[in-house]
Amino acid sequence: MKFSASFIAGLIFVILLNGPIGSVPTLLEKPKQSKPSEILKRDLHSEIVIPVIGLNLHLFADQKSDVLRKLKFGEPVKFDKNSLESPKEDWIPVKLEDGLSGFIKRSVVRSVSPNKYLPTLLFEAERMILSNQIDFSAKQEITDTIFAISTSGKFTGDDFIFIRAKAGFFLKKTVDLMNTKGIKPDNDPSTLEFLKRHQTKLLYDYSSGKYYVDSNYFWKLLEAYPKTKHSDYAGFLATESMPNVECGTDLKCRLEEMRKGKLRYIYLFPTGNYITLYTKDLVINLQSMTKDPDSIPCFAPVSDGIKSEINQMIRYASEIGPREKKQILPHLQILKKECFR
């Protein structure tokens, strides 16, 4: 049986349109739209996280309506339950802390339950702070926002130390980027203002011309909240924020750096997540100092500063965990033997 060319072409078109002969045509279902009452119920029980820089706040629920202003990353906004417009799938009516009302695109923000607000906010902030695609000014904005929210009185206890520790971490990463890029605040008014806002948390190294987050910012958090579930994280940040000091052969300087940083962490957090790492680092440093006792730079008359540091370190090491004590204390005893003759 022969078929005409037009019949064959028509058959091919039907197959392409509906699939192979004998198959059931597949219909694309229209996405289910939520009812206005469902949207309203969801929004009433949610909090909003703005995870982007420069989100438009529109006058109406329309992309073409006037933009009242741009919102900052993480800027606190509330669902405006008194909005005159009926709830929409694509838009959220919001009210700002200054009383300004408008609409934001639902697809751009994160709507979460109240107990997930803080972890979501900090997750989005850290994602952007660590991104190489986010510029310095944006990281300043994120850091400022997290510090502002941390002092709003909304968070206490574990949540407070967590957001304050994260805020300090974001400040550290932002200042590190400034140092890496060689940005000079004297030539950049906005950066100068940023540094002024955080001057109580920063140190300036005149020899290198760089800024650093003061590790005491984190240690003070620990002193105020010594036994929260995030104390260990704050202790880690405190240790990592210790400035790198070029001590050379200055024994007091080297001992002080170890005592104020990693040994202090081991002393405060006997079961901390970084115990093994910091113990290993301390042992390596102490071994290099004590492998040849005759080369230990504590020549007579030995300064009171060196003796004080050795005594303080021995006191710390005597009160830490047995495994860490066994590794660290023998080296300190060698130092005491050589320097206390």
C-alpha atoms as a PDB file:
ATOM      1  CA  MET A   1       0.000   0.000   0.000  1.00  0.00           C
ATOM      2  CA  LYS A   2       1.410   3.346  -0.992  1.00  0.00           C
ATOM      3  CA  PHE A   3       0.864   6.622   0.874  1.00  0.00           C
ATOM      4  CA  SER A   4       1.044  10.043  -0.600  1.00  0.00           C
ATOM      5  CA  ALA A   5       3.727  12.492   0.536  1.00  0.00           C
ATOM      6  CA  SER A   6       1.080  14.767   2.062  1.00  0.00           C
ATOM      7  CA  PHE A   7      -0.352  11.916   4.160  1.00  0.00           C
ATOM      8  CA  ILE A   8       3.106  11.001   5.509  1.00  0.00           C
ATOM      9  CA  ALA A   9       3.874  14.631   6.371  1.00  0.00           C
ATOM     10  CA  GLY A  10       0.561  14.906   8.195  1.00  0.00           C
ATOM     11  CA  LEU A  11       1.271  11.725  10.148  1.00  0.00           C
ATOM     12  CA  ILE A  12       4.685  13.015  11.235  1.00  0.00           C
ATOM     13  CA  PHE A  13       3.067  16.264  12.428  1.00  0.00           C
ATOM     14  CA  VAL A  14       0.523  14.337  14.518  1.00  0.00           C
ATOM     15  CA  ILE A  15       3.286  12.225  16.100  1.00  0.00           C
ATOM     16  CA  LEU A  16       5.364  15.290  16.960  1.00  0.00           C
ATOM     17  CA  LEU A  17       2.320  16.997  18.410  1.00  0.00           C
ATOM     18  CA  ASN A  18       0.858  14.153  20.449  1.00  0.00           C
ATOM     19  CA  GLY A  19       3.718  11.678  20.852  1.00  0.00           C
ATOM     20  CA  PRO A  20       3.894   8.160  19.359  1.00  0.00           C
ATOM     21  CA  ILE A  21       0.703   6.625  17.955  1.00  0.00           C
ATOM     22  CA  GLY A  22      -1.254   4.910  20.688  1.00  0.00           C
ATOM     23  CA  SER A  23       0.155   7.068  23.521  1.00  0.00           C
ATOM     24  CA  VAL A  24      -2.077   9.274  25.649  1.00  0.00           C
ATOM     25  CA  PRO A  25      -1.571  13.010  24.997  1.00  0.00           C
ATOM     26  CA  THR A  26      -0.043  14.812  27.985  1.00  0.00           C
ATOM     27  CA  LEU A  27      -1.692  18.033  29.060  1.00  0.00           C
ATOM     28  CA  LEU A  28       0.304  20.632  30.986  1.00  0.00           C
ATOM     29  CA  GLU A  29      -1.554  21.445  34.178  1.00  0.00           C
ATOM     30  CA  LYS A  30      -1.970  25.072  35.081  1.00  0.00           C
ATOM     31  CA  PRO A  31      -0.162  25.854  38.348  1.00  0.00           C
ATOM     32  CA  LYS A  32      -2.581  25.797  41.242  1.00  0.00           C
ATOM     33  CA  GLN A  33      -3.291  29.258  42.550  1.00  0.00           C
ATOM     34  CA  SER A  34      -3.658  29.747  46.286  1.00  0.00           C
ATOM     35  CA  LYS A  35      -6.853  31.306  47.532  1.00  0.00           C
ATOM     36  CA  PRO A  36      -6.588  34.840  48.966  1.00  0.00           C
ATOM     37  CA  SER A  37      -7.623  33.501  52.375  1.00  0.00           C
ATOM     38  CA  GLU A  38      -4.789  30.925  52.289  1.00  0.00           C
ATOM     39  CA  ILE A  39      -2.234  33.574  51.323  1.00  0.00           C
ATOM     40  CA  LEU A  40      -3.432  35.867  54.111  1.00  0.00           C
ATOM     41  CA  LYS A  41      -3.219  33.093  56.713  1.00  0.00           C
ATOM     42  CA  ARG A  42       0.295  32.189  55.572  1.00  0.00           C
ATOM     43  CA  ASP A  43       1.526  35.779  55.638  1.00  0.00           C
ATOM     44  CA  LEU A  44       0.043  36.480  59.061  1.00  0.00           C
ATOM     45  CA  HIS A  45       2.146  33.671  60.557  1.00  0.00           C
ATOM     46  CA  SER A  46       5.395  34.375  58.699  1.00  0.00           C
ATOM     47  CA  GLU A  47       8.367  36.689  58.990  1.00  0.00           C
ATOM     48  CA  ILE A  48      10.123  38.176  56.013  1.00  0.00           C
ATOM     49  CA  VAL A  49      13.844  38.034  55.272  1.00  0.00           C
ATOM     50  CA  ILE A  50      15.202  40.269  52.510  1.00  0.00           C
ATOM     51  CA  PRO A  51      18.202  38.352  51.096  1.00  0.00           C
ATOM     52  CA  VAL A  52      19.249  40.858  48.414  1.00  0.00           C
ATOM     53  CA  ILE A  53      20.676  44.334  48.079  1.00  0.00           C
ATOM     54  CA  GLY A  54      18.436  47.110  46.764  1.00  0.00           C
ATOM     55  CA  LEU A  55      15.009  45.438  46.647  1.00  0.00           C
ATOM     56  CA  ASN A  56      12.371  47.808  45.234  1.00  0.00           C
ATOM     57  CA  LEU A  57       9.492  48.848  47.492  1.00  0.00           C
ATOM     58  CA  HIS A  58       6.610  49.609  45.111  1.00  0.00           C
ATOM     59  CA  LEU A  59       3.657  51.878  45.771  1.00  0.00           C
ATOM     60  CA  PHE A  60       1.233  49.285  44.385  1.00  0.00           C
ATOM     61  CA  ALA A  61       1.356  45.553  43.654  1.00  0.00           C
ATOM     62  CA  ASP A  62       2.546  46.237  40.135  1.00  0.00           C
ATOM     63  CA  GLN A  63       6.026  46.081  38.648  1.00  0.00           C
ATOM     64  CA  LYS A  64       5.353  49.334  36.782  1.00  0.00           C
ATOM     65  CA  SER A  65       4.177  51.291  39.836  1.00  0.00           C
ATOM     66  CA  ASP A  66       6.354  53.916  41.498  1.00  0.00           C
ATOM     67  CA  VAL A  67       9.346  52.768  43.544  1.00  0.00           C
ATOM     68  CA  LEU A  68       9.104  54.385  46.978  1.00  0.00           C
ATOM     69  CA  ARG A  69      12.679  53.424  47.851  1.00  0.00           C
ATOM     70  CA  LYS A  70      15.160  50.582  47.771  1.00  0.00           C
ATOM     71  CA  LEU A  71      15.369  48.309  50.802  1.00  0.00           C
ATOM     72  CA  LYS A  72      18.617  47.251  52.426  1.00  0.00           C
ATOM     73  CA  PHE A  73      19.719  43.669  52.885  1.00  0.00           C
ATOM     74  CA  GLY A  74      17.940  42.157  55.882  1.00  0.00           C
ATOM     75  CA  GLU A  75      16.003  45.352  56.584  1.00  0.00           C
ATOM     76  CA  PRO A  76      13.229  44.533  59.066  1.00  0.00           C
ATOM     77  CA  VAL A  77       9.802  44.603  57.401  1.00  0.00           C
ATOM     78  CA  LYS A  78       6.420  43.353  58.608  1.00  0.00           C
ATOM     79  CA  PHE A  79       3.455  42.009  56.710  1.00  0.00           C
ATOM     80  CA  ASP A  80       0.965  44.867  56.436  1.00  0.00           C
ATOM     81  CA  LYS A  81      -2.262  43.233  57.593  1.00  0.00           C
ATOM     82  CA  ASN A  82      -4.095  46.555  57.166  1.00  0.00           C
ATOM     83  CA  SER A  83      -3.353  46.788  53.449  1.00  0.00           C
ATOM     84  CA  LEU A  84      -6.423  47.726  51.401  1.00  0.00           C
ATOM     85  CA  GLU A  85      -5.448  45.451  48.515  1.00  0.00           C
ATOM     86  CA  SER A  86      -6.499  41.799  48.592  1.00  0.00           C
ATOM     87  CA  PRO A  87      -3.652  39.241  49.086  1.00  0.00           C
ATOM     88  CA  LYS A  88      -1.782  38.302  45.889  1.00  0.00           C
ATOM     89  CA  GLU A  89       0.398  35.347  44.980  1.00  0.00           C
ATOM     90  CA  ASP A  90       3.196  37.522  43.550  1.00  0.00           C
ATOM     91  CA  TRP A  91       3.267  40.440  45.996  1.00  0.00           C
ATOM     92  CA  ILE A  92       3.487  41.007  49.753  1.00  0.00           C
ATOM     93  CA  PRO A  93       2.137  44.188  51.330  1.00  0.00           C
ATOM     94  CA  VAL A  94       4.688  45.325  53.919  1.00  0.00           C
ATOM     95  CA  LYS A  95       5.223  48.065  56.455  1.00  0.00           C
ATOM     96  CA  LEU A  96       8.682  49.361  57.390  1.00  0.00           C
ATOM     97  CA  GLU A  97       9.877  50.393  60.826  1.00  0.00           C
ATOM     98  CA  ASP A  98       9.589  54.058  59.820  1.00  0.00           C
ATOM     99  CA  GLY A  99       5.900  53.554  58.963  1.00  0.00           C
ATOM    100  CA  LEU A 100       6.298  53.556  55.167  1.00  0.00           C
ATOM    101  CA  SER A 101       4.048  50.988  53.432  1.00  0.00           C
ATOM    102  CA  GLY A 102       4.305  49.373  50.015  1.00  0.00           C
ATOM    103  CA  PHE A 103       4.657  46.101  48.119  1.00  0.00           C
ATOM    104  CA  ILE A 104       7.605  43.780  47.482  1.00  0.00           C
ATOM    105  CA  LYS A 105       7.969  40.846  45.100  1.00  0.00           C
ATOM    106  CA  ARG A 106       7.252  37.598  46.923  1.00  0.00           C
ATOM    107  CA  SER A 107       9.608  35.578  44.690  1.00  0.00           C
ATOM    108  CA  VAL A 108      12.626  37.639  45.763  1.00  0.00           C
ATOM    109  CA  VAL A 109      12.271  37.369  49.552  1.00  0.00           C
ATOM    110  CA  ARG A 110      12.166  34.523  52.062  1.00  0.00           C
ATOM    111  CA  SER A 111       8.944  34.076  54.015  1.00  0.00           C
ATOM    112  CA  VAL A 112       9.641  31.833  57.018  1.00  0.00           C
ATOM    113  CA  SER A 113       8.128  30.831  60.339  1.00  0.00           C
ATOM    114  CA  PRO A 114       9.228  33.026  63.285  1.00  0.00           C
ATOM    115  CA  ASN A 115      11.531  30.326  64.723  1.00  0.00           C
ATOM    116  CA  LYS A 116      13.419  30.172  61.414  1.00  0.00           C
ATOM    117  CA  TYR A 117      13.849  33.916  60.988  1.00  0.00           C
ATOM    118  CA  LEU A 118      17.257  34.248  62.678  1.00  0.00           C
ATOM    119  CA  PRO A 119      18.949  31.182  61.122  1.00  0.00           C
ATOM    120  CA  THR A 120      17.599  32.157  57.690  1.00  0.00           C
ATOM    121  CA  LEU A 121      18.757  35.770  58.048  1.00  0.00           C
ATOM    122  CA  LEU A 122      22.264  34.729  59.146  1.00  0.00           C
ATOM    123  CA  PHE A 123      22.510  32.027  56.488  1.00  0.00           C
ATOM    124  CA  GLU A 124      21.695  34.509  53.721  1.00  0.00           C
ATOM    125  CA  ALA A 125      24.034  37.108  55.226  1.00  0.00           C
ATOM    126  CA  GLU A 126      26.943  34.668  55.452  1.00  0.00           C
ATOM    127  CA  ARG A 127      26.326  33.416  51.928  1.00  0.00           C
ATOM    128  CA  MET A 128      26.721  36.947  50.610  1.00  0.00           C
ATOM    129  CA  ILE A 129      29.598  37.932  52.902  1.00  0.00           C
ATOM    130  CA  LEU A 130      31.616  34.927  51.689  1.00  0.00           C
ATOM    131  CA  SER A 131      30.734  35.458  48.030  1.00  0.00           C
ATOM    132  CA  ASN A 132      33.412  36.864  45.733  1.00  0.00           C
ATOM    133  CA  GLN A 133      30.633  38.350  43.610  1.00  0.00           C
ATOM    134  CA  ILE A 134      29.508  40.783  46.329  1.00  0.00           C
ATOM    135  CA  ASP A 135      31.345  44.103  46.429  1.00  0.00           C
ATOM    136  CA  PHE A 136      32.787  45.898  49.438  1.00  0.00           C
ATOM    137  CA  SER A 137      29.960  48.424  49.850  1.00  0.00           C
ATOM    138  CA  ALA A 138      27.369  45.626  49.876  1.00  0.00           C
ATOM    139  CA  LYS A 139      29.300  43.794  52.580  1.00  0.00           C
ATOM    140  CA  GLN A 140      29.373  46.983  54.644  1.00  0.00           C
ATOM    141  CA  GLU A 141      25.593  47.181  54.328  1.00  0.00           C
ATOM    142  CA  ILE A 142      25.123  43.561  55.410  1.00  0.00           C
ATOM    143  CA  THR A 143      27.431  44.000  58.403  1.00  0.00           C
ATOM    144  CA  ASP A 144      25.667  47.195  59.499  1.00  0.00           C
ATOM    145  CA  THR A 145      22.248  45.536  59.223  1.00  0.00           C
ATOM    146  CA  ILE A 146      23.186  42.505  61.311  1.00  0.00           C
ATOM    147  CA  PHE A 147      24.718  44.709  64.027  1.00  0.00           C
ATOM    148  CA  ALA A 148      21.594  46.904  64.058  1.00  0.00           C
ATOM    149  CA  ILE A 149      19.274  43.901  64.371  1.00  0.00           C
ATOM    150  CA  SER A 150      21.473  42.415  67.106  1.00  0.00           C
ATOM    151  CA  THR A 151      20.951  45.509  69.261  1.00  0.00           C
ATOM    152  CA  SER A 152      17.206  45.808  68.592  1.00  0.00           C
ATOM    153  CA  GLY A 153      16.323  43.924  71.784  1.00  0.00           C
ATOM    154  CA  LYS A 154      14.587  41.195  69.795  1.00  0.00           C
ATOM    155  CA  PHE A 155      17.106  38.491  70.712  1.00  0.00           C
ATOM    156  CA  THR A 156      18.349  37.270  74.087  1.00  0.00           C
ATOM    157  CA  GLY A 157      20.401  34.397  75.507  1.00  0.00           C
ATOM    158  CA  ASP A 158      21.660  31.869  72.944  1.00  0.00           C
ATOM    159  CA  ASP A 159      20.213  33.802  70.014  1.00  0.00           C
ATOM    160  CA  PHE A 160      21.855  37.039  71.156  1.00  0.00           C
ATOM    161  CA  ILE A 161      25.364  35.626  71.427  1.00  0.00           C
ATOM    162  CA  PHE A 162      24.880  33.872  68.089  1.00  0.00           C
ATOM    163  CA  ILE A 163      23.880  36.993  66.158  1.00  0.00           C
ATOM    164  CA  ARG A 164      26.539  39.108  67.924  1.00  0.00           C
ATOM    165  CA  ALA A 165      29.229  36.560  67.142  1.00  0.00           C
ATOM    166  CA  LYS A 166      28.104  36.382  63.513  1.00  0.00           C
ATOM    167  CA  ALA A 167      28.036  40.178  63.303  1.00  0.00           C
ATOM    168  CA  GLY A 168      31.655  40.262  64.490  1.00  0.00           C
ATOM    169  CA  PHE A 169      32.569  37.600  61.926  1.00  0.00           C
ATOM    170  CA  PHE A 170      30.950  39.627  59.137  1.00  0.00           C
ATOM    171  CA  LEU A 171      32.836  42.716  60.311  1.00  0.00           C
ATOM    172  CA  LYS A 172      36.074  40.748  60.207  1.00  0.00           C
ATOM    173  CA  LYS A 173      35.438  39.528  56.656  1.00  0.00           C
ATOM    174  CA  THR A 174      34.477  43.019  55.496  1.00  0.00           C
ATOM    175  CA  VAL A 175      37.565  44.632  57.021  1.00  0.00           C
ATOM    176  CA  ASP A 176      39.760  41.830  55.646  1.00  0.00           C
ATOM    177  CA  LEU A 177      38.445  42.634  52.161  1.00  0.00           C
ATOM    178  CA  MET A 178      39.200  46.307  52.716  1.00  0.00           C
ATOM    179  CA  ASN A 179      42.763  45.441  53.707  1.00  0.00           C
ATOM    180  CA  THR A 180      43.210  43.078  50.759  1.00  0.00           C
ATOM    181  CA  LYS A 181      41.972  45.637  48.241  1.00  0.00           C
ATOM    182  CA  GLY A 182      44.037  48.385  49.856  1.00  0.00           C
ATOM    183  CA  ILE A 183      41.017  50.657  50.328  1.00  0.00           C
ATOM    184  CA  LYS A 184      42.069  53.763  52.235  1.00  0.00           C
ATOM    185  CA  PRO A 185      39.277  55.275  54.347  1.00  0.00           C
ATOM    186  CA  ASP A 186      40.817  58.758  54.065  1.00  0.00           C
ATOM    187  CA  ASN A 187      39.958  58.686  50.354  1.00  0.00           C
ATOM    188  CA  ASP A 188      36.568  57.023  50.800  1.00  0.00           C
ATOM    189  CA  PRO A 189      34.070  58.915  53.008  1.00  0.00           C
ATOM    190  CA  SER A 190      31.552  56.039  53.192  1.00  0.00           C
ATOM    191  CA  THR A 191      34.251  53.612  54.380  1.00  0.00           C
ATOM    192  CA  LEU A 192      35.478  56.149  56.929  1.00  0.00           C
ATOM    193  CA  GLU A 193      31.939  56.431  58.326  1.00  0.00           C
ATOM    194  CA  PHE A 194      31.656  52.635  58.404  1.00  0.00           C
ATOM    195  CA  LEU A 195      34.865  52.373  60.438  1.00  0.00           C
ATOM    196  CA  LYS A 196      33.683  55.109  62.807  1.00  0.00           C
ATOM    197  CA  ARG A 197      30.454  53.199  63.448  1.00  0.00           C
ATOM    198  CA  HIS A 198      32.470  50.162  64.502  1.00  0.00           C
ATOM    199  CA  GLN A 199      35.545  51.820  65.987  1.00  0.00           C
ATOM    200  CA  THR A 200      35.016  50.275  69.452  1.00  0.00           C
ATOM    201  CA  LYS A 201      35.369  46.815  67.897  1.00  0.00           C
ATOM    202  CA  LEU A 202      38.428  47.530  65.764  1.00  0.00           C
ATOM    203  CA  LEU A 203      42.173  47.845  66.151  1.00  0.00           C
ATOM    204  CA  TYR A 204      44.574  49.614  63.802  1.00  0.00           C
ATOM    205  CA  ASP A 205      48.070  48.339  63.123  1.00  0.00           C
ATOM    206  CA  TYR A 206      50.221  51.356  62.308  1.00  0.00           C
ATOM    207  CA  SER A 207      53.124  49.271  60.983  1.00  0.00           C
ATOM    208  CA  SER A 208      51.010  47.581  58.300  1.00  0.00           C
ATOM    209  CA  GLY A 209      48.314  50.242  57.944  1.00  0.00           C
ATOM    210  CA  LYS A 210      45.578  47.628  58.378  1.00  0.00           C
ATOM    211  CA  TYR A 211      42.457  47.317  60.507  1.00  0.00           C
ATOM    212  CA  TYR A 212      41.540  44.264  62.565  1.00  0.00           C
ATOM    213  CA  VAL A 213      38.566  43.184  64.646  1.00  0.00           C
ATOM    214  CA  ASP A 214      39.616  43.312  68.301  1.00  0.00           C
ATOM    215  CA  SER A 215      39.539  39.755  69.679  1.00  0.00           C
ATOM    216  CA  ASN A 216      38.324  41.228  72.970  1.00  0.00           C
ATOM    217  CA  TYR A 217      34.993  41.866  71.256  1.00  0.00           C
ATOM    218  CA  PHE A 218      34.451  38.091  71.200  1.00  0.00           C
ATOM    219  CA  TRP A 219      36.079  37.378  74.596  1.00  0.00           C
ATOM    220  CA  LYS A 220      33.729  39.893  76.231  1.00  0.00           C
ATOM    221  CA  LEU A 221      30.772  38.066  74.691  1.00  0.00           C
ATOM    222  CA  LEU A 222      32.008  34.898  76.374  1.00  0.00           C
ATOM    223  CA  GLU A 223      32.422  36.626  79.715  1.00  0.00           C
ATOM    224  CA  ALA A 224      28.850  37.948  79.543  1.00  0.00           C
ATOM    225  CA  TYR A 225      27.368  34.668  78.244  1.00  0.00           C
ATOM    226  CA  PRO A 226      29.796  31.948  79.387  1.00  0.00           C
ATOM    227  CA  LYS A 227      27.638  28.860  78.953  1.00  0.00           C
ATOM    228  CA  THR A 228      25.471  29.150  75.870  1.00  0.00           C
ATOM    229  CA  LYS A 229      25.392  26.689  72.994  1.00  0.00           C
ATOM    230  CA  HIS A 230      27.233  29.196  70.777  1.00  0.00           C
ATOM    231  CA  SER A 231      30.029  30.039  73.239  1.00  0.00           C
ATOM    232  CA  ASP A 232      32.412  27.657  71.510  1.00  0.00           C
ATOM    233  CA  TYR A 233      31.878  29.423  68.178  1.00  0.00           C
ATOM    234  CA  ALA A 234      32.509  32.818  69.793  1.00  0.00           C
ATOM    235  CA  GLY A 235      35.681  31.411  71.388  1.00  0.00           C
ATOM    236  CA  PHE A 236      36.866  30.192  68.005  1.00  0.00           C
ATOM    237  CA  LEU A 237      36.294  33.641  66.463  1.00  0.00           C
ATOM    238  CA  ALA A 238      38.111  35.264  69.399  1.00  0.00           C
ATOM    239  CA  THR A 239      41.118  33.008  68.846  1.00  0.00           C
ATOM    240  CA  GLU A 240      41.134  33.500  65.095  1.00  0.00           C
ATOM    241  CA  SER A 241      40.929  37.281  65.510  1.00  0.00           C
ATOM    242  CA  MET A 242      44.164  37.463  67.472  1.00  0.00           C
ATOM    243  CA  PRO A 243      46.532  39.715  65.480  1.00  0.00           C
ATOM    244  CA  ASN A 244      49.588  38.102  63.937  1.00  0.00           C
ATOM    245  CA  VAL A 245      52.493  39.528  65.926  1.00  0.00           C
ATOM    246  CA  GLU A 246      56.037  39.330  64.613  1.00  0.00           C
ATOM    247  CA  CYS A 247      57.721  38.255  67.858  1.00  0.00           C
ATOM    248  CA  GLY A 248      60.973  36.989  66.407  1.00  0.00           C
ATOM    249  CA  THR A 249      63.076  35.606  69.294  1.00  0.00           C
ATOM    250  CA  ASP A 250      61.197  37.599  71.948  1.00  0.00           C
ATOM    251  CA  LEU A 251      60.201  34.787  74.327  1.00  0.00           C
ATOM    252  CA  LYS A 252      57.701  36.822  76.331  1.00  0.00           C
ATOM    253  CA  CYS A 253      55.934  37.940  73.150  1.00  0.00           C
ATOM    254  CA  ARG A 254      55.693  34.370  71.824  1.00  0.00           C
ATOM    255  CA  LEU A 255      54.376  32.982  75.098  1.00  0.00           C
ATOM    256  CA  GLU A 256      51.869  35.798  75.517  1.00  0.00           C
ATOM    257  CA  GLU A 257      50.498  35.221  72.011  1.00  0.00           C
ATOM    258  CA  MET A 258      49.928  31.530  72.764  1.00  0.00           C
ATOM    259  CA  ARG A 259      48.396  32.151  76.190  1.00  0.00           C
ATOM    260  CA  LYS A 260      45.971  34.851  75.061  1.00  0.00           C
ATOM    261  CA  GLY A 261      44.798  32.847  72.063  1.00  0.00           C
ATOM    262  CA  LYS A 262      44.822  29.086  71.668  1.00  0.00           C
ATOM    263  CA  LEU A 263      45.702  28.151  75.244  1.00  0.00           C
ATOM    264  CA  ARG A 264      42.921  30.402  76.514  1.00  0.00           C
ATOM    265  CA  TYR A 265      40.459  28.621  74.223  1.00  0.00           C
ATOM    266  CA  ILE A 266      41.601  25.192  75.440  1.00  0.00           C
ATOM    267  CA  TYR A 267      41.293  26.382  79.032  1.00  0.00           C
ATOM    268  CA  LEU A 268      37.769  27.756  78.549  1.00  0.00           C
ATOM    269  CA  PHE A 269      36.429  24.992  76.278  1.00  0.00           C
ATOM    270  CA  PRO A 270      37.803  21.613  77.424  1.00  0.00           C
ATOM    271  CA  THR A 271      35.377  19.822  75.067  1.00  0.00           C
ATOM    272  CA  GLY A 272      35.331  22.457  72.311  1.00  0.00           C
ATOM    273  CA  ASN A 273      35.250  21.635  68.615  1.00  0.00           C
ATOM    274  CA  TYR A 274      38.721  23.105  68.052  1.00  0.00           C
ATOM    275  CA  ILE A 275      40.558  21.477  70.987  1.00  0.00           C
ATOM    276  CA  THR A 276      42.495  18.984  68.861  1.00  0.00           C
ATOM    277  CA  LEU A 277      43.526  21.576  66.271  1.00  0.00           C
ATOM    278  CA  TYR A 278      44.691  24.173  68.795  1.00  0.00           C
ATOM    279  CA  THR A 279      46.475  21.634  71.002  1.00  0.00           C
ATOM    280  CA  LYS A 280      48.417  20.408  67.985  1.00  0.00           C
ATOM    281  CA  ASP A 281      49.415  23.963  67.029  1.00  0.00           C
ATOM    282  CA  LEU A 282      50.543  24.781  70.576  1.00  0.00           C
ATOM    283  CA  VAL A 283      52.586  21.586  70.891  1.00  0.00           C
ATOM    284  CA  ILE A 284      54.339  22.265  67.568  1.00  0.00           C
ATOM    285  CA  ASN A 285      55.280  25.784  68.731  1.00  0.00           C
ATOM    286  CA  LEU A 286      56.424  24.658  72.171  1.00  0.00           C
ATOM    287  CA  GLN A 287      58.435  21.774  70.725  1.00  0.00           C
ATOM    288  CA  SER A 288      60.313  24.165  68.455  1.00  0.00           C
ATOM    289  CA  MET A 289      61.165  26.284  71.513  1.00  0.00           C
ATOM    290  CA  THR A 290      62.223  23.474  73.848  1.00  0.00           C
ATOM    291  CA  LYS A 291      63.830  20.823  71.630  1.00  0.00           C
ATOM    292  CA  ASP A 292      67.224  22.332  72.478  1.00  0.00           C
ATOM    293  CA  PRO A 293      66.981  23.721  76.051  1.00  0.00           C
ATOM    294  CA  ASP A 294      70.309  25.531  75.697  1.00  0.00           C
ATOM    295  CA  SER A 295      68.902  27.655  72.884  1.00  0.00           C
ATOM    296  CA  ILE A 296      65.911  28.950  74.878  1.00  0.00           C
ATOM    297  CA  PRO A 297      66.291  32.779  74.874  1.00  0.00           C
ATOM    298  CA  CYS A 298      65.942  33.391  78.609  1.00  0.00           C
ATOM    299  CA  PHE A 299      69.345  34.788  79.470  1.00  0.00           C
ATOM    300  CA  ALA A 300      70.141  36.091  82.915  1.00  0.00           C
ATOM    301  CA  PRO A 301      68.807  38.232  84.318  1.00  0.00           C
ATOM    302  CA  VAL A 302      65.476  36.765  83.162  1.00  0.00           C
ATOM    303  CA  SER A 303      62.766  39.417  83.072  1.00  0.00           C
ATOM    304  CA  ASP A 304      59.772  39.260  85.370  1.00  0.00           C
ATOM    305  CA  GLY A 305      57.587  39.355  82.258  1.00  0.00           C
ATOM    306  CA  ILE A 306      58.945  36.025  80.969  1.00  0.00           C
ATOM    307  CA  LYS A 307      58.581  34.400  84.395  1.00  0.00           C
ATOM    308  CA  SER A 308      55.031  35.674  84.722  1.00  0.00           C
ATOM    309  CA  GLU A 309      54.035  34.316  81.316  1.00  0.00           C
ATOM    310  CA  ILE A 310      55.503  30.878  82.064  1.00  0.00           C
ATOM    311  CA  ASN A 311      53.735  30.714  85.423  1.00  0.00           C
ATOM    312  CA  GLN A 312      50.396  31.746  83.930  1.00  0.00           C
ATOM    313  CA  MET A 313      50.696  29.188  81.144  1.00  0.00           C
ATOM    314  CA  ILE A 314      51.555  26.430  83.621  1.00  0.00           C
ATOM    315  CA  ARG A 315      48.487  27.378  85.672  1.00  0.00           C
ATOM    316  CA  TYR A 316      46.272  27.178  82.583  1.00  0.00           C
ATOM    317  CA  ALA A 317      47.828  23.893  81.452  1.00  0.00           C
ATOM    318  CA  SER A 318      47.399  22.357  84.903  1.00  0.00           C
ATOM    319  CA  GLU A 319      43.637  22.875  84.731  1.00  0.00           C
ATOM    320  CA  ILE A 320      42.860  21.705  81.174  1.00  0.00           C
ATOM    321  CA  GLY A 321      41.808  18.234  80.027  1.00  0.00           C
ATOM    322  CA  PRO A 322      44.171  15.345  80.894  1.00  0.00           C
ATOM    323  CA  ARG A 323      45.045  14.544  77.284  1.00  0.00           C
ATOM    324  CA  GLU A 324      45.899  18.156  76.424  1.00  0.00           C
ATOM    325  CA  LYS A 325      47.690  18.614  79.738  1.00  0.00           C
ATOM    326  CA  LYS A 326      49.908  15.603  79.022  1.00  0.00           C
ATOM    327  CA  GLN A 327      50.951  17.093  75.675  1.00  0.00           C
ATOM    328  CA  ILE A 328      51.457  20.739  76.690  1.00  0.00           C
ATOM    329  CA  LEU A 329      52.637  20.831  80.306  1.00  0.00           C
ATOM    330  CA  PRO A 330      56.019  19.019  79.871  1.00  0.00           C
ATOM    331  CA  HIS A 331      57.222  21.694  77.452  1.00  0.00           C
ATOM    332  CA  LEU A 332      56.250  24.467  79.840  1.00  0.00           C
ATOM    333  CA  GLN A 333      58.094  22.728  82.651  1.00  0.00           C
ATOM    334  CA  ILE A 334      61.236  22.690  80.488  1.00  0.00           C
ATOM    335  CA  LEU A 335      60.843  26.437  79.976  1.00  0.00           C
ATOM    336  CA  LYS A 336      60.480  26.959  83.721  1.00  0.00           C
ATOM    337  CA  LYS A 337      63.525  24.840  84.486  1.00  0.00           C
ATOM    338  CA  GLU A 338      65.699  26.837  82.089  1.00  0.00           C
ATOM    339  CA  CYS A 339      64.361  30.296  82.901  1.00  0.00           C
ATOM    340  CA  PHE A 340      63.996  30.071  86.665  1.00  0.00           C
ATOM    341  CA  ARG A 341      67.557  29.013  87.527  1.00  0.00           C
END
